[in-house]
C-alpha atoms as a PDB file:
ATOM      1  CA  MET A   1     198.977-132.341 -20.446  1.00  0.00           C
ATOM      2  CA  ILE A   2     195.355-130.679 -20.849  1.00  0.00           C
ATOM      3  CA  THR A   3     196.542-129.701 -24.128  1.00  0.00           C
ATOM      4  CA  THR A   4     196.638-133.506 -25.131  1.00  0.00           C
ATOM      5  CA  SER A   5     193.196-133.311 -24.554  1.00  0.00           C
ATOM      6  CA  LEU A   6     192.036-130.164 -25.831  1.00  0.00           C
ATOM      7  CA  PHE A   7     190.254-129.932 -29.060  1.00  0.00           C
ATOM      8  CA  SER A   8     189.294-126.608 -30.466  1.00  0.00           C
ATOM      9  CA  ARG A   9     185.672-126.247 -31.802  1.00  0.00           C
ATOM     10  CA  THR A  10     187.042-125.174 -35.252  1.00  0.00           C
ATOM     11  CA  ARG A  11     186.098-127.790 -37.307  1.00  0.00           C
ATOM     12  CA  LEU A  12     188.809-130.169 -38.592  1.00  0.00           C
ATOM     13  CA  ALA A  13     189.843-130.563 -42.510  1.00  0.00           C
ATOM     14  CA  THR A  14     189.100-133.694 -43.814  1.00  0.00           C
ATOM     15  CA  GLY A  15     192.724-135.260 -44.337  1.00  0.00           C
ATOM     16  CA  ARG A  16     193.607-138.406 -46.406  1.00  0.00           C
ATOM     17  CA  ARG A  17     194.528-141.279 -44.903  1.00  0.00           C
ATOM     18  CA  ASP A  18     198.382-141.755 -44.742  1.00  0.00           C
ATOM     19  CA  SER A  19     199.104-144.480 -46.820  1.00  0.00           C
ATOM     20  CA  GLY A  20     202.157-145.614 -44.890  1.00  0.00           C
ATOM     21  CA  ALA A  21     199.574-146.246 -41.930  1.00  0.00           C
ATOM     22  CA  ARG A  22     199.138-150.008 -43.446  1.00  0.00           C
ATOM     23  CA  ARG A  23     202.719-150.649 -43.425  1.00  0.00           C
ATOM     24  CA  LYS A  24     203.898-152.331 -40.322  1.00  0.00           C
ATOM     25  CA  SER A  25     206.786-150.638 -38.259  1.00  0.00           C
ATOM     26  CA  PRO A  26     209.849-152.312 -37.124  1.00  0.00           C
ATOM     27  CA  LEU A  27     208.479-152.281 -33.677  1.00  0.00           C
ATOM     28  CA  LEU A  28     205.210-154.345 -34.976  1.00  0.00           C
ATOM     29  CA  ARG A  29     207.479-156.599 -36.721  1.00  0.00           C
ATOM     30  CA  GLN A  30     209.295-157.185 -33.395  1.00  0.00           C
ATOM     31  CA  ALA A  31     206.138-157.898 -31.712  1.00  0.00           C
ATOM     32  CA  LEU A  32     204.755-160.452 -34.236  1.00  0.00           C
ATOM     33  CA  MET A  33     207.904-162.341 -33.875  1.00  0.00           C
ATOM     34  CA  ALA A  34     207.554-162.156 -29.884  1.00  0.00           C
ATOM     35  CA  GLY A  35     203.910-162.788 -30.236  1.00  0.00           C
ATOM     36  CA  ALA A  36     204.106-166.804 -29.867  1.00  0.00           C
ATOM     37  CA  ALA A  37     205.803-166.496 -26.783  1.00  0.00           C
ATOM     38  CA  LEU A  38     204.150-164.013 -25.147  1.00  0.00           C
ATOM     39  CA  ALA A  39     200.364-165.599 -26.333  1.00  0.00           C
ATOM     40  CA  GLY A  40     200.113-167.658 -23.190  1.00  0.00           C
ATOM     41  CA  LEU A  41     200.794-164.443 -20.935  1.00  0.00           C
ATOM     42  CA  SER A  42     198.018-162.076 -19.558  1.00  0.00           C
ATOM     43  CA  LEU A  43     198.377-158.969 -17.880  1.00  0.00           C
ATOM     44  CA  LEU A  44     197.654-159.020 -14.248  1.00  0.00           C
ATOM     45  CA  PRO A  45     194.391-156.915 -13.473  1.00  0.00           C
ATOM     46  CA  LEU A  46     195.539-153.683 -11.349  1.00  0.00           C
ATOM     47  CA  SER A  47     194.171-153.420  -8.021  1.00  0.00           C
ATOM     48  CA  SER A  48     192.065-150.199  -7.027  1.00  0.00           C
ATOM     49  CA  GLY A  49     195.257-149.306  -4.671  1.00  0.00           C
ATOM     50  CA  ALA A  50     198.032-149.675  -7.418  1.00  0.00           C
ATOM     51  CA  GLN A  51     200.644-146.950  -7.164  1.00  0.00           C
ATOM     52  CA  ALA A  52     202.429-145.485 -10.041  1.00  0.00           C
ATOM     53  CA  THR A  53     206.070-146.233  -9.902  1.00  0.00           C
ATOM     54  CA  PRO A  54     208.048-143.119 -10.724  1.00  0.00           C
ATOM     55  CA  PRO A  55     211.336-143.313 -12.607  1.00  0.00           C
ATOM     56  CA  ALA A  56     214.578-143.299 -10.769  1.00  0.00           C
ATOM     57  CA  ALA A  57     215.697-140.417 -13.196  1.00  0.00           C
ATOM     58  CA  SER A  58     214.428-138.472 -16.345  1.00  0.00           C
ATOM     59  CA  SER A  59     213.956-140.651 -19.624  1.00  0.00           C
ATOM     60  CA  ALA A  60     212.882-139.492 -22.821  1.00  0.00           C
ATOM     61  CA  ILE A  61     211.121-141.689 -25.793  1.00  0.00           C
ATOM     62  CA  ALA A  62     211.107-140.026 -29.160  1.00  0.00           C
ATOM     63  CA  GLY A  63     209.038-140.912 -32.440  1.00  0.00           C
ATOM     64  CA  THR A  64     208.214-139.396 -35.744  1.00  0.00           C
ATOM     65  CA  ILE A  65     204.656-138.593 -36.943  1.00  0.00           C
ATOM     66  CA  PHE A  66     204.510-139.149 -40.802  1.00  0.00           C
ATOM     67  CA  THR A  67     201.650-136.799 -41.382  1.00  0.00           C
ATOM     68  CA  SER A  68     198.758-136.966 -44.102  1.00  0.00           C
ATOM     69  CA  ASP A  69     200.055-133.409 -45.013  1.00  0.00           C
ATOM     70  CA  ALA A  70     202.260-133.747 -48.099  1.00  0.00           C
ATOM     71  CA  GLY A  71     204.603-136.323 -46.086  1.00  0.00           C
ATOM     72  CA  ALA A  72     205.639-133.723 -43.659  1.00  0.00           C
ATOM     73  CA  ARG A  73     207.682-135.313 -40.513  1.00  0.00           C
ATOM     74  CA  ILE A  74     207.086-133.950 -37.053  1.00  0.00           C
ATOM     75  CA  ARG A  75     209.170-135.026 -34.127  1.00  0.00           C
ATOM     76  CA  MET A  76     207.454-136.099 -30.751  1.00  0.00           C
ATOM     77  CA  VAL A  77     209.081-136.568 -27.337  1.00  0.00           C
ATOM     78  CA  ASP A  78     207.477-138.079 -24.214  1.00  0.00           C
ATOM     79  CA  GLU A  79     209.989-137.413 -21.565  1.00  0.00           C
ATOM     80  CA  TRP A  80     209.498-138.676 -18.086  1.00  0.00           C
ATOM     81  CA  GLN A  81     210.854-136.843 -14.986  1.00  0.00           C
ATOM     82  CA  ALA A  82     212.027-138.274 -11.593  1.00  0.00           C
ATOM     83  CA  ASP A  83     209.114-136.794  -9.755  1.00  0.00           C
ATOM     84  CA  GLY A  84     206.860-139.119 -12.127  1.00  0.00           C
ATOM     85  CA  SER A  85     205.450-136.298 -14.381  1.00  0.00           C
ATOM     86  CA  VAL A  86     205.560-136.710 -17.913  1.00  0.00           C
ATOM     87  CA  GLU A  87     206.412-133.614 -20.809  1.00  0.00           C
ATOM     88  CA  ARG A  88     205.272-134.153 -24.203  1.00  0.00           C
ATOM     89  CA  ARG A  89     206.794-131.928 -27.094  1.00  0.00           C
ATOM     90  CA  PHE A  90     206.023-131.799 -30.573  1.00  0.00           C
ATOM     91  CA  SER A  91     208.540-130.197 -32.985  1.00  0.00           C
ATOM     92  CA  GLN A  92     209.341-129.683 -36.623  1.00  0.00           C
ATOM     93  CA  GLY A  93     212.988-128.282 -36.967  1.00  0.00           C
ATOM     94  CA  ALA A  94     213.710-125.762 -34.265  1.00  0.00           C
ATOM     95  CA  GLN A  95     209.902-124.876 -34.029  1.00  0.00           C
ATOM     96  CA  THR A  96     208.057-126.103 -30.959  1.00  0.00           C
ATOM     97  CA  LEU A  97     204.484-127.009 -31.961  1.00  0.00           C
ATOM     98  CA  TYR A  98     203.420-127.998 -28.637  1.00  0.00           C
ATOM     99  CA  ARG A  99     204.624-128.694 -24.909  1.00  0.00           C
ATOM    100  CA  GLY A 100     202.506-130.275 -22.250  1.00  0.00           C
ATOM    101  CA  ARG A 101     203.093-131.933 -19.103  1.00  0.00           C
ATOM    102  CA  VAL A 102     201.118-134.143 -16.577  1.00  0.00           C
ATOM    103  CA  GLN A 103     201.913-134.167 -12.929  1.00  0.00           C
ATOM    104  CA  PRO A 104     200.141-137.052 -10.939  1.00  0.00           C
ATOM    105  CA  THR A 105     199.152-136.104  -7.631  1.00  0.00           C
ATOM    106  CA  ALA A 106     197.856-137.808  -4.193  1.00  0.00           C
ATOM    107  CA  SER A 107     194.418-137.035  -5.210  1.00  0.00           C
ATOM    108  CA  GLY A 108     194.439-136.969  -9.211  1.00  0.00           C
ATOM    109  CA  LEU A 109     196.691-135.143 -11.502  1.00  0.00           C
ATOM    110  CA  VAL A 110     197.714-131.545 -12.913  1.00  0.00           C
ATOM    111  CA  ALA A 111     197.913-131.010 -16.554  1.00  0.00           C
ATOM    112  CA  THR A 112     199.485-128.014 -18.095  1.00  0.00           C
ATOM    113  CA  VAL A 113     199.858-126.674 -21.623  1.00  0.00           C
ATOM    114  CA  ALA A 114     202.366-124.229 -21.707  1.00  0.00           C
ATOM    115  CA  GLU A 115     203.176-123.952 -25.789  1.00  0.00           C
ATOM    116  CA  GLY A 116     200.674-124.474 -28.413  1.00  0.00           C
ATOM    117  CA  HIS A 117     197.836-122.960 -30.162  1.00  0.00           C
ATOM    118  CA  PRO A 118     196.209-119.958 -28.011  1.00  0.00           C
ATOM    119  CA  SER A 119     192.982-121.995 -27.708  1.00  0.00           C
ATOM    120  CA  GLN A 120     194.908-125.026 -25.809  1.00  0.00           C
ATOM    121  CA  LEU A 121     196.980-122.910 -23.303  1.00  0.00           C
ATOM    122  CA  GLY A 122     196.014-123.431 -19.695  1.00  0.00           C
ATOM    123  CA  THR A 123     195.969-125.634 -16.763  1.00  0.00           C
ATOM    124  CA  LEU A 124     193.880-128.180 -15.356  1.00  0.00           C
ATOM    125  CA  VAL A 125     193.580-129.767 -11.809  1.00  0.00           C
ATOM    126  CA  LEU A 126     191.820-132.829 -11.170  1.00  0.00           C
ATOM    127  CA  ALA A 127     191.096-134.028  -7.366  1.00  0.00           C
ATOM    128  CA  GLY A 128     188.865-136.762  -6.996  1.00  0.00           C
ATOM    129  CA  ARG A 129     185.907-135.934  -9.159  1.00  0.00           C
ATOM    130  CA  GLN A 130     186.266-132.347  -9.101  1.00  0.00           C
ATOM    131  CA  LEU A 131     187.807-130.598 -12.045  1.00  0.00           C
ATOM    132  CA  THR A 132     189.248-126.907 -11.915  1.00  0.00           C
ATOM    133  CA  VAL A 133     190.528-125.337 -15.140  1.00  0.00           C
ATOM    134  CA  THR A 134     192.315-122.081 -15.690  1.00  0.00           C
ATOM    135  CA  ASP A 135     193.749-120.247 -18.591  1.00  0.00           C
ATOM    136  CA  ALA A 136     197.578-119.248 -19.142  1.00  0.00           C
ATOM    137  CA  GLN A 137     197.188-116.118 -17.124  1.00  0.00           C
ATOM    138  CA  GLY A 138     195.748-118.342 -14.067  1.00  0.00           C
ATOM    139  CA  LYS A 139     192.137-116.748 -14.622  1.00  0.00           C
ATOM    140  CA  PRO A 140     189.450-119.248 -13.730  1.00  0.00           C
ATOM    141  CA  LEU A 141     187.546-120.832 -16.915  1.00  0.00           C
ATOM    142  CA  TRP A 142     185.290-123.296 -15.181  1.00  0.00           C
ATOM    143  CA  SER A 143     185.100-126.099 -12.656  1.00  0.00           C
ATOM    144  CA  GLU A 144     182.605-129.126 -12.529  1.00  0.00           C
ATOM    145  CA  THR A 145     182.179-132.318 -10.694  1.00  0.00           C
ATOM    146  CA  LEU A 146     183.065-135.242 -13.368  1.00  0.00           C
ATOM    147  CA  THR A 147     180.935-138.173 -13.719  1.00  0.00           C
ATOM    148  CA  ARG A 148     183.326-140.472 -15.830  1.00  0.00           C
ATOM    149  CA  PRO A 149     187.152-140.477 -15.784  1.00  0.00           C
ATOM    150  CA  LEU A 150     189.423-137.921 -17.920  1.00  0.00           C
ATOM    151  CA  CYS A 151     191.816-139.169 -20.505  1.00  0.00           C
ATOM    152  CA  LEU A 152     194.527-136.805 -21.295  1.00  0.00           C
ATOM    153  CA  THR A 153     196.688-137.550 -24.664  1.00  0.00           C
ATOM    154  CA  GLU A 154     199.736-137.148 -23.001  1.00  0.00           C
ATOM    155  CA  VAL A 155     198.884-140.050 -20.837  1.00  0.00           C
ATOM    156  CA  HIS A 156     196.560-142.209 -22.819  1.00  0.00           C
ATOM    157  CA  PRO A 157     198.997-145.317 -22.571  1.00  0.00           C
ATOM    158  CA  GLU A 158     198.722-144.928 -18.788  1.00  0.00           C
ATOM    159  CA  PHE A 159     194.892-144.639 -18.999  1.00  0.00           C
ATOM    160  CA  VAL A 160     194.696-147.688 -21.195  1.00  0.00           C
ATOM    161  CA  ARG A 161     196.739-149.770 -19.088  1.00  0.00           C
ATOM    162  CA  ALA A 162     194.790-148.968 -16.017  1.00  0.00           C
ATOM    163  CA  HIS A 163     191.654-150.024 -17.566  1.00  0.00           C
ATOM    164  CA  TRP A 164     192.638-153.166 -19.730  1.00  0.00           C
ATOM    165  CA  GLU A 165     190.287-155.243 -17.346  1.00  0.00           C
ATOM    166  CA  ARG A 166     187.563-152.942 -18.407  1.00  0.00           C
ATOM    167  CA  LEU A 167     188.737-153.078 -22.235  1.00  0.00           C
ATOM    168  CA  ALA A 168     188.526-156.799 -22.454  1.00  0.00           C
ATOM    169  CA  PRO A 169     188.147-158.245 -26.099  1.00  0.00           C
ATOM    170  CA  GLY A 170     184.289-158.142 -27.091  1.00  0.00           C
ATOM    171  CA  SER A 171     183.556-155.707 -23.963  1.00  0.00           C
ATOM    172  CA  GLU A 172     181.495-152.413 -24.665  1.00  0.00           C
ATOM    173  CA  PRO A 173     183.286-149.251 -25.260  1.00  0.00           C
ATOM    174  CA  LEU A 174     184.667-147.330 -22.196  1.00  0.00           C
ATOM    175  CA  ALA A 175     183.361-143.754 -21.873  1.00  0.00           C
ATOM    176  CA  CYS A 176     185.927-141.007 -20.658  1.00  0.00           C
ATOM    177  CA  GLY A 177     185.733-137.228 -21.098  1.00  0.00           C
ATOM    178  CA  ILE A 178     188.328-134.652 -22.662  1.00  0.00           C
ATOM    179  CA  PRO A 179     188.521-131.074 -21.715  1.00  0.00           C
ATOM    180  CA  ILE A 180     187.594-128.441 -24.254  1.00  0.00           C
ATOM    181  CA  LEU A 181     189.196-125.106 -22.955  1.00  0.00           C
ATOM    182  CA  LYS A 182     187.578-122.932 -25.864  1.00  0.00           C
ATOM    183  CA  ALA A 183     184.011-124.520 -25.087  1.00  0.00           C
ATOM    184  CA  ARG A 184     184.512-124.662 -21.546  1.00  0.00           C
ATOM    185  CA  LYS A 185     183.555-128.243 -21.260  1.00  0.00           C
ATOM    186  CA  VAL A 186     184.390-131.944 -21.125  1.00  0.00           C
ATOM    187  CA  ALA A 187     183.507-133.679 -24.176  1.00  0.00           C
ATOM    188  CA  LYS A 188     182.652-137.386 -24.049  1.00  0.00           C
ATOM    189  CA  VAL A 189     184.610-139.736 -26.380  1.00  0.00           C
ATOM    190  CA  GLN A 190     185.069-143.512 -25.671  1.00  0.00           C
ATOM    191  CA  TRP A 191     187.785-146.377 -25.842  1.00  0.00           C
ATOM    192  CA  ALA A 192     186.927-149.385 -28.198  1.00  0.00           C
ATOM    193  CA  ARG A 193     188.852-152.729 -28.054  1.00  0.00           C
ATOM    194  CA  LEU A 194     189.236-154.049 -31.498  1.00  0.00           C
ATOM    195  CA  PRO A 195     190.496-157.572 -32.522  1.00  0.00           C
ATOM    196  CA  ASP A 196     194.003-158.115 -31.643  1.00  0.00           C
ATOM    197  CA  GLY A 197     196.851-158.303 -34.406  1.00  0.00           C
ATOM    198  CA  PRO A 198     198.477-161.211 -35.741  1.00  0.00           C
ATOM    199  CA  GLY A 199     201.144-161.428 -33.169  1.00  0.00           C
ATOM    200  CA  GLY A 200     198.825-160.728 -30.378  1.00  0.00           C
ATOM    201  CA  GLU A 201     199.114-157.129 -30.202  1.00  0.00           C
ATOM    202  CA  ARG A 202     196.539-155.433 -28.280  1.00  0.00           C
ATOM    203  CA  ILE A 203     194.519-152.692 -30.296  1.00  0.00           C
ATOM    204  CA  VAL A 204     192.326-149.766 -29.005  1.00  0.00           C
ATOM    205  CA  GLU A 205     190.746-146.950 -30.651  1.00  0.00           C
ATOM    206  CA  LEU A 206     189.749-143.700 -29.218  1.00  0.00           C
ATOM    207  CA  GLN A 207     186.463-142.620 -30.925  1.00  0.00           C
ATOM    208  CA  PRO A 208     183.862-139.662 -30.614  1.00  0.00           C
ATOM    209  CA  GLY A 209     181.105-140.289 -28.015  1.00  0.00           C
ATOM    210  CA  THR A 210     178.599-138.307 -29.349  1.00  0.00           C
ATOM    211  CA  LEU A 211     177.557-137.018 -32.888  1.00  0.00           C
ATOM    212  CA  GLY A 212     178.966-133.414 -32.469  1.00  0.00           C
ATOM    213  CA  MET A 213     182.182-135.174 -31.489  1.00  0.00           C
ATOM    214  CA  ARG A 214     182.526-136.491 -34.885  1.00  0.00           C
ATOM    215  CA  LEU A 215     183.134-133.513 -36.306  1.00  0.00           C
ATOM    216  CA  PHE A 216     186.276-132.552 -34.318  1.00  0.00           C
ATOM    217  CA  LEU A 217     187.918-136.079 -33.349  1.00  0.00           C
ATOM    218  CA  ARG A 218     189.070-138.477 -36.097  1.00  0.00           C
ATOM    219  CA  PRO A 219     189.142-141.977 -34.562  1.00  0.00           C
ATOM    220  CA  THR A 220     192.793-142.819 -33.221  1.00  0.00           C
ATOM    221  CA  ARG A 221     194.057-146.114 -33.140  1.00  0.00           C
ATOM    222  CA  LEU A 222     197.012-147.331 -30.515  1.00  0.00           C
ATOM    223  CA  THR A 223     198.772-150.395 -30.994  1.00  0.00           C
ATOM    224  CA  PHE A 224     200.177-152.270 -27.712  1.00  0.00           C
ATOM    225  CA  SER A 225     202.377-155.082 -27.019  1.00  0.00           C
ATOM    226  CA  PRO A 226     200.682-158.434 -26.574  1.00  0.00           C
ATOM    227  CA  ASP A 227     201.134-157.852 -22.598  1.00  0.00           C
ATOM    228  CA  GLY A 228     199.491-154.313 -22.885  1.00  0.00           C
ATOM    229  CA  GLN A 229     202.508-152.565 -21.280  1.00  0.00           C
ATOM    230  CA  SER A 230     204.119-150.697 -24.095  1.00  0.00           C
ATOM    231  CA  LEU A 231     202.733-148.666 -26.765  1.00  0.00           C
ATOM    232  CA  LEU A 232     204.113-149.550 -29.998  1.00  0.00           C
ATOM    233  CA  GLU A 233     202.470-147.453 -32.790  1.00  0.00           C
ATOM    234  CA  GLN A 234     199.767-144.733 -32.995  1.00  0.00           C
ATOM    235  CA  THR A 235     197.588-143.619 -35.892  1.00  0.00           C
ATOM    236  CA  GLY A 236     194.967-140.948 -36.538  1.00  0.00           C
ATOM    237  CA  GLN A 237     194.620-137.544 -34.780  1.00  0.00           C
ATOM    238  CA  PHE A 238     197.398-135.966 -32.447  1.00  0.00           C
ATOM    239  CA  GLU A 239     197.049-132.681 -30.014  1.00  0.00           C
ATOM    240  CA  SER A 240     199.334-130.972 -31.689  1.00  0.00           C
ATOM    241  CA  VAL A 241     198.245-128.247 -34.408  1.00  0.00           C
ATOM    242  CA  ARG A 242     200.325-127.733 -37.743  1.00  0.00           C
ATOM    243  CA  ASP A 243     200.845-123.902 -36.791  1.00  0.00           C
ATOM    244  CA  PRO A 244     200.356-122.808 -33.493  1.00  0.00           C
ATOM    245  CA  ALA A 245     200.576-118.997 -34.760  1.00  0.00           C
ATOM    246  CA  SER A 246     197.690-119.525 -36.989  1.00  0.00           C
ATOM    247  CA  SER A 247     196.312-122.788 -37.752  1.00  0.00           C
ATOM    248  CA  PRO A 248     193.787-124.798 -35.459  1.00  0.00           C
ATOM    249  CA  ARG A 249     193.931-127.804 -37.485  1.00  0.00           C
ATOM    250  CA  TYR A 250     195.178-130.953 -35.556  1.00  0.00           C
ATOM    251  CA  LEU A 251     197.897-133.122 -36.877  1.00  0.00           C
ATOM    252  CA  GLN A 252     196.734-136.441 -38.740  1.00  0.00           C
ATOM    253  CA  GLY A 253     199.262-139.174 -39.347  1.00  0.00           C
ATOM    254  CA  ARG A 254     200.988-142.249 -38.215  1.00  0.00           C
ATOM    255  CA  LEU A 255     203.515-142.100 -35.246  1.00  0.00           C
ATOM    256  CA  GLN A 256     206.532-144.380 -34.901  1.00  0.00           C
ATOM    257  CA  PHE A 257     208.572-144.786 -32.132  1.00  0.00           C
ATOM    258  CA  GLU A 258     212.266-145.417 -31.983  1.00  0.00           C
ATOM    259  CA  ARG A 259     211.598-147.641 -29.178  1.00  0.00           C
ATOM    260  CA  PRO A 260     208.437-148.899 -27.267  1.00  0.00           C
ATOM    261  CA  ARG A 261     206.845-146.339 -25.177  1.00  0.00           C
ATOM    262  CA  GLU A 262     206.373-148.031 -21.716  1.00  0.00           C
ATOM    263  CA  ALA A 263     202.778-147.496 -20.421  1.00  0.00           C
ATOM    264  CA  ARG A 264     203.240-146.675 -16.769  1.00  0.00           C
ATOM    265  CA  ARG A 265     201.162-148.260 -14.063  1.00  0.00           C
ATOM    266  CA  TRP A 266     198.995-145.419 -12.846  1.00  0.00           C
ATOM    267  CA  PRO A 267     195.882-146.479 -10.643  1.00  0.00           C
ATOM    268  CA  ALA A 268     192.504-146.070 -12.222  1.00  0.00           C
ATOM    269  CA  GLU A 269     191.318-143.580  -9.520  1.00  0.00           C
ATOM    270  CA  ARG A 270     194.109-141.228 -10.764  1.00  0.00           C
ATOM    271  CA  PHE A 271     192.000-140.283 -13.815  1.00  0.00           C
ATOM    272  CA  GLY A 272     188.654-139.339 -11.960  1.00  0.00           C
ATOM    273  CA  PRO A 273     185.381-141.310 -11.145  1.00  0.00           C
ATOM    274  CA  ALA A 274     184.740-144.731 -12.454  1.00  0.00           C
ATOM    275  CA  GLU A 275     182.581-145.192 -15.349  1.00  0.00           C
ATOM    276  CA  ALA A 276     179.744-146.544 -13.288  1.00  0.00           C
ATOM    277  CA  ALA A 277     179.437-142.942 -11.841  1.00  0.00           C
ATOM    278  CA  ALA A 278     178.023-142.093 -14.913  1.00  0.00           C
ATOM    279  CA  LYS A 279     175.129-144.258 -15.179  1.00  0.00           C
END
């Protein structure tokens, strides 16, 4: 899972916007139809003591990324396990491009990237505000005390759902951090709430939090159901690279799920300190 939030310091090549990103997916069309019925409903705010609800058994949600690279298609699967962890896999044909897992714990979470580009591989342990990172061989890379929450890509839906109250329409961007193994640092990024879709879909965008991060992170837009509990579509940058054996360039494109990807209810404290700690 740490891999989902690991961005190499190698500069990303500028890619063309996927022309298909403007077309509504079947899931979005379904959301438009359901918008009127859901327009009067609001997501109940999460209490600070909210507990994650683990699935009774493993379940997988698959999707296809239509990349900006000559229309190549990448398979992505989020698979939830009975212990509450989620594993994310990217593949093209028989080749696995990326595999990471995020495991919730009593005091935070553990994220491991087992397959991907060498600069991504490693393990992250978050306990309260304390972050510890090791490489693929278990060698310590660095540790630090965080001043803002972590937003790992594998659990972006859970992070956003845990912060809907903070991400209200018209609110200021919500700052968080992503670990960069190669640089041995946590880089600042931010979530911004955008205007809702025509059917009441909630739309947020992950943006660079500093001028330097604009070189490495392309704004990535996530579209949720009107109640904010399911991710319908994602457009922008993904944590998988095009070729783990050589290319450090991250995938750009549009992700369509075969069915909505549920955003499980995790407490905000699982992602580290509150944003206010950074002020």
